[in-house]
Amino acid sequence: MEFDCESVKRLLGKYKFRDLTVEELKNVNMFFPHFRYSMDTYVFKDSSQKDLLNFTGTIPVMYQGNTYNIPIRFWILDSHPFTPPICFLKPTANMGISVGKHVDAQGRIYLPYLQNWSHPKSVIVGLIKEMIAKFQEELPLYSLSSSDEARQVDMLAYIAKITEGVSDINSKSWTNHETKAVNKITVVGNGELGIACILAISAKGIADRLVLLDLSEGTKGGTMDLDIFNLPNVEISKVPMWSGQEVMSHSSQVQLSNRAVELLRVKGQRSWSVGLSVADLVDSIINNKKKVHSVSVLAKGYYDINSEVFLSLPCILGTNGVTEIIKTTVKEDTVTEKLQSSASSIHGLQERLKF
């Protein structure tokens, strides 16, 4: 793609060292002409925001004899080139992040080149070359299985429902509240997993009131993420209750949705998968669906297990909790043998932990 120098200059109107930045980006384009440039809002860890130039594309990484095109995103600060870019992986819906030495659960990239950044010795092309070299040692992304990919799609759909204001929870009126019991759900913990549970439950529209119990000393951690969502009927302990939604313009909704999706994609996949599973469990309990779920139950008396241990077994779940444990008929002997082995190992560990 041809590098439009004048267009980039206009985008960098408020940058302190615009000409130096443009010259470096021209050099980047010579080596990686497929990168696409735009101005977008970057949200820092302290929740402050700034419009920054960023560019996205893929870099080729050879790993175990195969070449992978790793999608990345660079944010260029307005003090560039005297400060290093902020770098992230930009995984697609069928990719998961492999947390490692150079990548965290949010997909942010950490490299010695960034830590030792010093103009004019340090340049973006050099940074990309080191990135390729490090990723050849430890591939930062992996392909999701079909079931994981389906969950990722579900998560994005849930976020879209929330940010576009079409969650079933929004349609409930106070009249309804007066004629039936109020469903109140409390989520303990304000980390990524707690936020994922709140969002998934909200999107399903199964709670009249949601409470996020924050046990930390201050308003830190995952609670900050909720600031970008327009959630009704959510109360956070130590934080003022959010009493309802304000009408947003279409452009504001689009911006909110884009930020939400970006947040979702860089968060740890495990938290969101667990959040969706928790929402499914809550749905079955609240609405007495009597669906089959794998939940931890006392296994004594099942599969010829005589010790008091808890195992994850397929159960029918409803308003009264577990109403029945399902005994599988597939390869019965093998299943029983493996469950008995697990029960024996857990029981042995419990015995060693006794004082």
Protein backbone atom coordinates (compact mmCIF):
# COMPACT_ATOMS: atom_id res chain seq x y z
CA MET A 1 0.00 0.00 0.00
CA GLU A 2 1.38 3.39 -0.98
CA PHE A 3 2.35 5.54 1.98
CA ASP A 4 0.42 8.84 1.89
CA CYS A 5 2.87 11.18 3.59
CA GLU A 6 0.56 14.21 3.60
CA SER A 7 -2.37 12.30 5.06
CA VAL A 8 -0.19 10.98 7.88
CA LYS A 9 1.12 14.48 8.55
CA ARG A 10 -2.43 15.74 8.94
CA LEU A 11 -3.19 12.93 11.37
CA LEU A 12 -0.13 13.92 13.40
CA GLY A 13 -1.11 17.58 13.69
CA LYS A 14 -0.77 17.60 17.52
CA TYR A 15 2.40 15.50 17.70
CA LYS A 16 5.47 17.23 19.14
CA PHE A 17 7.93 15.74 16.64
CA ARG A 18 5.72 15.21 13.64
CA ASP A 19 8.38 15.32 10.92
CA LEU A 20 10.65 12.83 12.71
CA THR A 21 7.70 10.49 13.23
CA VAL A 22 6.60 10.71 9.59
CA GLU A 23 10.11 9.93 8.37
CA GLU A 24 10.29 6.85 10.56
CA LEU A 25 6.88 5.64 9.43
CA LYS A 26 7.98 6.03 5.81
CA ASN A 27 10.85 3.69 6.59
CA VAL A 28 8.45 1.22 8.24
CA ASN A 29 6.31 1.28 5.09
CA MET A 30 9.31 0.32 2.95
CA PHE A 31 9.68 -2.96 4.88
CA PHE A 32 6.02 -3.56 5.77
CA PRO A 33 3.85 -1.86 3.13
CA HIS A 34 0.67 -3.66 4.21
CA PHE A 35 0.29 -1.82 7.54
CA ARG A 36 -2.82 0.37 7.81
CA TYR A 37 -2.75 3.65 9.74
CA SER A 38 -5.51 5.46 11.63
CA MET A 39 -6.22 7.75 14.60
CA ASP A 40 -8.08 6.11 17.47
CA THR A 41 -8.64 6.64 21.18
CA TYR A 42 -6.23 4.82 23.45
CA VAL A 43 -7.31 4.20 27.06
CA PHE A 44 -4.44 4.11 29.54
CA LYS A 45 -4.37 2.05 32.75
CA ASP A 46 -5.45 5.07 34.80
CA SER A 47 -8.54 5.41 32.52
CA SER A 48 -7.22 8.58 30.88
CA GLN A 49 -7.68 8.72 27.11
CA LYS A 50 -5.81 10.20 24.18
CA ASP A 51 -6.21 10.14 20.41
CA LEU A 52 -3.12 8.42 19.02
CA LEU A 53 -1.86 7.27 15.67
CA ASN A 54 -1.83 3.50 15.43
CA PHE A 55 -1.17 0.97 12.72
CA THR A 56 -2.13 -2.66 12.34
CA GLY A 57 -0.96 -5.53 10.20
CA THR A 58 0.81 -8.87 10.38
CA ILE A 59 4.42 -9.87 10.77
CA PRO A 60 5.79 -13.19 9.40
CA VAL A 61 7.08 -15.55 12.09
CA MET A 62 8.76 -18.87 11.30
CA TYR A 63 8.03 -21.42 14.02
CA GLN A 64 8.91 -25.11 13.89
CA GLY A 65 9.16 -25.07 10.11
CA ASN A 66 5.91 -23.19 9.48
CA THR A 67 5.32 -19.51 8.77
CA TYR A 68 2.64 -17.72 10.80
CA ASN A 69 1.30 -14.24 10.13
CA ILE A 70 1.00 -12.72 13.60
CA PRO A 71 -1.47 -9.78 13.79
CA ILE A 72 -0.15 -6.83 15.80
CA ARG A 73 -1.05 -3.26 16.64
CA PHE A 74 1.32 -0.38 17.39
CA TRP A 75 0.23 2.79 19.20
CA ILE A 76 2.52 5.76 18.55
CA LEU A 77 2.68 8.24 21.44
CA ASP A 78 2.69 11.97 20.73
CA SER A 79 6.25 12.23 22.07
CA HIS A 80 7.59 9.70 19.53
CA PRO A 81 10.40 8.96 18.64
CA PHE A 82 11.69 9.80 22.11
CA THR A 83 9.26 7.33 23.70
CA PRO A 84 8.66 3.77 22.47
CA PRO A 85 5.40 2.60 20.91
CA ILE A 86 2.83 0.62 22.89
CA CYS A 87 2.52 -2.78 21.24
CA PHE A 88 -0.26 -5.36 21.34
CA LEU A 89 -1.17 -8.60 19.67
CA LYS A 90 -4.42 -8.24 17.74
CA PRO A 91 -5.82 -11.79 17.69
CA THR A 92 -8.74 -12.69 15.48
CA ALA A 93 -11.80 -14.54 16.82
CA ASN A 94 -10.19 -17.95 16.21
CA MET A 95 -6.96 -17.14 18.05
CA GLY A 96 -6.01 -17.36 21.70
CA ILE A 97 -3.14 -15.59 23.48
CA SER A 98 -0.26 -17.67 24.81
CA VAL A 99 0.88 -15.81 27.92
CA GLY A 100 4.65 -15.96 28.15
CA LYS A 101 7.87 -14.11 28.73
CA HIS A 102 7.08 -11.39 26.21
CA VAL A 103 3.24 -11.29 26.16
CA ASP A 104 0.73 -10.83 28.99
CA ALA A 105 -2.88 -12.00 29.22
CA GLN A 106 -4.11 -8.75 27.65
CA GLY A 107 -1.89 -9.27 24.61
CA ARG A 108 0.51 -6.46 25.44
CA ILE A 109 4.02 -7.08 24.15
CA TYR A 110 7.12 -6.60 26.31
CA LEU A 111 10.58 -6.74 24.77
CA PRO A 112 14.11 -5.66 25.78
CA TYR A 113 14.09 -3.37 22.73
CA LEU A 114 11.16 -1.46 24.23
CA GLN A 115 12.72 -1.28 27.68
CA ASN A 116 15.99 0.05 26.28
CA TRP A 117 14.41 2.43 23.76
CA SER A 118 16.66 5.39 22.98
CA HIS A 119 16.38 7.77 20.02
CA PRO A 120 17.96 7.77 17.44
CA LYS A 121 19.41 4.30 17.99
CA SER A 122 15.99 2.72 18.46
CA VAL A 123 13.57 2.59 15.53
CA ILE A 124 10.28 0.79 14.83
CA VAL A 125 11.77 -1.40 12.10
CA GLY A 126 14.39 -2.63 14.57
CA LEU A 127 11.64 -3.26 17.12
CA ILE A 128 9.66 -5.36 14.64
CA LYS A 129 12.75 -7.39 13.75
CA GLU A 130 13.34 -8.20 17.43
CA MET A 131 9.65 -9.01 17.80
CA ILE A 132 9.88 -11.54 14.97
CA ALA A 133 13.02 -13.08 16.49
CA LYS A 134 11.45 -13.46 19.96
CA PHE A 135 8.17 -14.85 18.59
CA GLN A 136 10.15 -17.46 16.64
CA GLU A 137 11.34 -18.77 20.01
CA GLU A 138 7.91 -18.64 21.64
CA LEU A 139 4.84 -18.33 19.42
CA PRO A 140 2.46 -15.81 21.10
CA LEU A 141 -0.83 -17.06 19.62
CA TYR A 142 -2.55 -20.39 19.12
CA SER A 143 -5.59 -21.58 17.19
CA LEU A 144 -8.75 -22.04 19.20
CA SER A 145 -10.71 -25.25 18.91
CA SER A 146 -14.12 -25.04 17.24
CA SER A 147 -15.84 -24.99 20.64
CA ASP A 148 -13.56 -22.24 21.95
CA GLU A 149 -14.10 -20.26 18.77
CA ALA A 150 -17.86 -20.57 19.22
CA ARG A 151 -17.49 -19.24 22.76
CA GLN A 152 -15.50 -16.29 21.45
CA VAL A 153 -18.31 -15.48 19.01
CA ASP A 154 -20.81 -15.75 21.88
CA MET A 155 -18.75 -13.36 23.97
CA LEU A 156 -18.65 -10.77 21.21
CA ALA A 157 -22.39 -11.14 20.72
CA TYR A 158 -22.99 -10.64 24.44
CA ILE A 159 -20.88 -7.51 24.48
CA ALA A 160 -22.75 -6.18 21.44
CA LYS A 161 -26.08 -6.77 23.22
CA ILE A 162 -24.93 -4.82 26.25
CA THR A 163 -23.36 -1.88 24.45
CA GLU A 164 -26.23 -1.51 22.00
CA GLY A 165 -28.77 -1.51 24.80
CA VAL A 166 -30.79 -4.50 23.59
CA SER A 167 -30.21 -6.87 26.49
CA ASP A 168 -33.37 -8.51 27.80
CA ILE A 169 -32.65 -6.93 31.16
CA ASN A 170 -33.48 -3.51 29.72
CA SER A 171 -37.03 -4.51 28.84
CA LYS A 172 -38.04 -5.36 32.40
CA SER A 173 -40.30 -2.78 33.99
CA TRP A 174 -40.81 -1.85 37.62
CA THR A 175 -44.35 -3.21 37.28
CA ASN A 176 -42.91 -6.64 36.63
CA HIS A 177 -40.77 -6.28 39.73
CA GLU A 178 -43.86 -5.69 41.84
CA THR A 179 -45.62 -8.85 40.66
CA LYS A 180 -42.86 -11.38 41.05
CA ALA A 181 -39.81 -12.14 43.14
CA VAL A 182 -36.74 -10.06 42.34
CA ASN A 183 -33.77 -12.07 41.14
CA LYS A 184 -30.66 -10.72 42.82
CA ILE A 185 -27.26 -12.16 41.92
CA THR A 186 -24.03 -11.30 43.73
CA VAL A 187 -20.60 -11.79 42.16
CA VAL A 188 -17.71 -11.72 44.64
CA GLY A 189 -14.43 -10.27 43.36
CA ASN A 190 -13.73 -7.37 41.03
CA GLY A 191 -10.97 -8.95 38.93
CA GLU A 192 -11.21 -10.00 35.30
CA LEU A 193 -13.23 -13.10 36.16
CA GLY A 194 -15.73 -11.09 38.22
CA ILE A 195 -16.17 -8.57 35.40
CA ALA A 196 -16.63 -11.39 32.87
CA CYS A 197 -19.37 -12.94 35.04
CA ILE A 198 -21.17 -9.60 35.47
CA LEU A 199 -21.13 -8.89 31.73
CA ALA A 200 -22.24 -12.38 30.69
CA ILE A 201 -25.08 -12.47 33.24
CA SER A 202 -26.16 -8.95 32.26
CA ALA A 203 -26.28 -9.86 28.58
CA LYS A 204 -28.45 -12.91 29.27
CA GLY A 205 -30.98 -10.66 31.03
CA ILE A 206 -31.59 -13.15 33.86
CA ALA A 207 -31.14 -10.83 36.85
CA ASP A 208 -33.25 -7.94 38.12
CA ARG A 209 -30.33 -6.76 40.22
CA LEU A 210 -26.63 -7.50 40.01
CA VAL A 211 -24.16 -6.76 42.80
CA LEU A 212 -20.39 -6.82 42.30
CA LEU A 213 -18.80 -7.26 45.71
CA ASP A 214 -15.42 -5.54 45.71
CA LEU A 215 -13.24 -6.85 48.52
CA SER A 216 -10.13 -4.90 47.57
CA GLU A 217 -8.84 -1.93 49.55
CA GLY A 218 -9.63 0.54 46.80
CA THR A 219 -11.36 0.84 43.45
CA LYS A 220 -8.73 -0.92 41.41
CA GLY A 221 -8.45 -3.95 39.18
CA GLY A 222 -11.29 -5.09 36.96
CA THR A 223 -13.80 -2.57 38.34
CA MET A 224 -12.22 0.09 36.12
CA ASP A 225 -13.36 -1.84 33.04
CA LEU A 226 -17.04 -1.42 33.91
CA ASP A 227 -16.72 2.32 33.35
CA ILE A 228 -16.95 1.76 29.60
CA PHE A 229 -20.23 -0.15 29.73
CA ASN A 230 -23.73 1.25 30.14
CA LEU A 231 -25.13 -1.39 32.48
CA PRO A 232 -28.52 -1.08 34.18
CA ASN A 233 -29.37 -2.52 37.61
CA VAL A 234 -25.73 -3.01 38.59
CA GLU A 235 -24.44 -2.09 42.02
CA ILE A 236 -20.79 -2.15 43.03
CA SER A 237 -19.94 -2.14 46.71
CA LYS A 238 -17.82 0.93 47.72
CA VAL A 239 -18.95 2.54 44.42
CA PRO A 240 -22.17 4.57 43.88
CA MET A 241 -25.06 2.52 42.49
CA TRP A 242 -25.79 2.88 38.80
CA SER A 243 -29.49 3.55 38.71
CA GLY A 244 -30.16 3.32 34.98
CA GLN A 245 -29.18 4.16 31.45
CA GLU A 246 -28.93 7.46 29.69
CA VAL A 247 -29.84 7.76 26.02
CA MET A 248 -26.69 7.74 23.92
CA SER A 249 -26.21 9.04 20.42
CA HIS A 250 -25.49 6.51 17.68
CA SER A 251 -21.88 7.65 17.41
CA SER A 252 -21.41 7.24 21.15
CA GLN A 253 -22.86 3.74 20.99
CA VAL A 254 -20.51 2.81 18.16
CA GLN A 255 -17.50 4.16 20.07
CA LEU A 256 -18.59 2.34 23.22
CA SER A 257 -19.12 -0.91 21.32
CA ASN A 258 -15.73 -0.66 19.60
CA ARG A 259 -14.00 -0.05 22.93
CA ALA A 260 -15.89 -2.95 24.51
CA VAL A 261 -14.90 -5.35 21.74
CA GLU A 262 -11.28 -4.18 21.94
CA LEU A 263 -11.34 -4.76 25.69
CA LEU A 264 -12.80 -8.22 25.21
CA ARG A 265 -10.19 -9.24 22.66
CA VAL A 266 -7.23 -8.29 24.83
CA LYS A 267 -8.53 -9.80 28.05
CA GLY A 268 -7.52 -13.27 29.17
CA GLN A 269 -9.60 -15.85 27.32
CA ARG A 270 -9.95 -18.09 30.37
CA SER A 271 -11.81 -15.43 32.36
CA TRP A 272 -14.36 -14.86 29.61
CA SER A 273 -14.93 -18.56 29.01
CA VAL A 274 -15.54 -19.12 32.72
CA GLY A 275 -17.80 -16.05 32.82
CA LEU A 276 -20.00 -17.50 30.09
CA SER A 277 -20.14 -20.85 31.87
CA VAL A 278 -21.17 -19.14 35.11
CA ALA A 279 -23.92 -17.26 33.25
CA ASP A 280 -25.23 -20.57 31.86
CA LEU A 281 -25.29 -22.10 35.35
CA VAL A 282 -27.10 -19.08 36.80
CA ASP A 283 -29.62 -19.18 33.94
CA SER A 284 -30.46 -22.81 34.67
CA ILE A 285 -30.89 -22.11 38.39
CA ILE A 286 -32.89 -18.87 38.08
CA ASN A 287 -35.21 -20.16 35.36
CA ASN A 288 -35.39 -23.77 36.61
CA LYS A 289 -34.33 -25.07 33.20
CA LYS A 290 -33.24 -28.47 34.53
CA LYS A 291 -30.40 -28.63 32.03
CA VAL A 292 -27.40 -30.91 32.27
CA HIS A 293 -24.20 -29.21 33.47
CA SER A 294 -20.89 -30.54 34.72
CA VAL A 295 -20.64 -29.27 38.30
CA SER A 296 -18.68 -30.29 41.36
CA VAL A 297 -20.73 -32.63 43.60
CA LEU A 298 -20.14 -35.17 46.34
CA ALA A 299 -19.19 -38.28 44.38
CA LYS A 300 -19.58 -40.80 47.23
CA GLY A 301 -22.05 -43.49 46.21
CA TYR A 302 -21.60 -42.96 42.49
CA TYR A 303 -19.39 -45.00 40.16
CA ASP A 304 -18.51 -47.28 43.13
CA ILE A 305 -16.71 -44.40 44.86
CA ASN A 306 -16.73 -44.81 48.65
CA SER A 307 -14.60 -41.86 49.78
CA GLU A 308 -15.99 -38.39 50.52
CA VAL A 309 -14.58 -36.41 47.61
CA PHE A 310 -16.07 -33.92 45.19
CA LEU A 311 -15.78 -34.45 41.43
CA SER A 312 -17.15 -32.65 38.40
CA LEU A 313 -20.02 -34.85 37.18
CA PRO A 314 -22.89 -34.28 34.72
CA CYS A 315 -25.91 -33.14 36.74
CA ILE A 316 -29.41 -31.80 36.17
CA LEU A 317 -29.50 -28.25 37.54
CA GLY A 318 -32.57 -26.22 38.47
CA THR A 319 -34.00 -23.86 41.08
CA ASN A 320 -33.35 -26.38 43.86
CA GLY A 321 -29.77 -26.90 42.73
CA VAL A 322 -28.60 -30.37 41.68
CA THR A 323 -31.65 -32.60 41.36
CA GLU A 324 -30.00 -35.61 39.74
CA ILE A 325 -26.54 -36.90 38.84
CA ILE A 326 -26.41 -38.39 35.35
CA LYS A 327 -24.57 -41.67 34.99
CA THR A 328 -22.97 -41.98 31.58
CA THR A 329 -23.40 -45.13 29.50
CA VAL A 330 -20.51 -44.45 27.14
CA LYS A 331 -17.56 -46.81 27.73
CA GLU A 332 -18.83 -47.39 31.24
CA ASP A 333 -15.88 -49.40 32.51
CA THR A 334 -13.31 -46.87 31.31
CA VAL A 335 -15.21 -43.89 32.74
CA THR A 336 -15.69 -45.61 36.09
CA GLU A 337 -12.02 -46.56 36.28
CA LYS A 338 -10.84 -43.00 35.57
CA LEU A 339 -13.27 -41.44 38.04
CA GLN A 340 -12.24 -43.91 40.74
CA SER A 341 -8.59 -43.09 40.07
CA SER A 342 -9.30 -39.35 40.38
CA ALA A 343 -11.29 -39.90 43.57
CA SER A 344 -8.47 -41.98 45.05
CA SER A 345 -5.87 -39.30 44.26
CA ILE A 346 -7.99 -36.52 45.77
CA HIS A 347 -8.83 -38.56 48.85
CA GLY A 348 -5.14 -39.35 49.36
CA LEU A 349 -4.28 -35.66 49.16
CA GLN A 350 -7.04 -34.80 51.64
CA GLU A 351 -5.67 -37.33 54.09
CA ARG A 352 -2.16 -35.85 53.87
CA LEU A 353 -3.54 -32.35 54.51
CA LYS A 354 -5.25 -33.37 57.75
CA PHE A 355 -3.56 -32.17 60.91
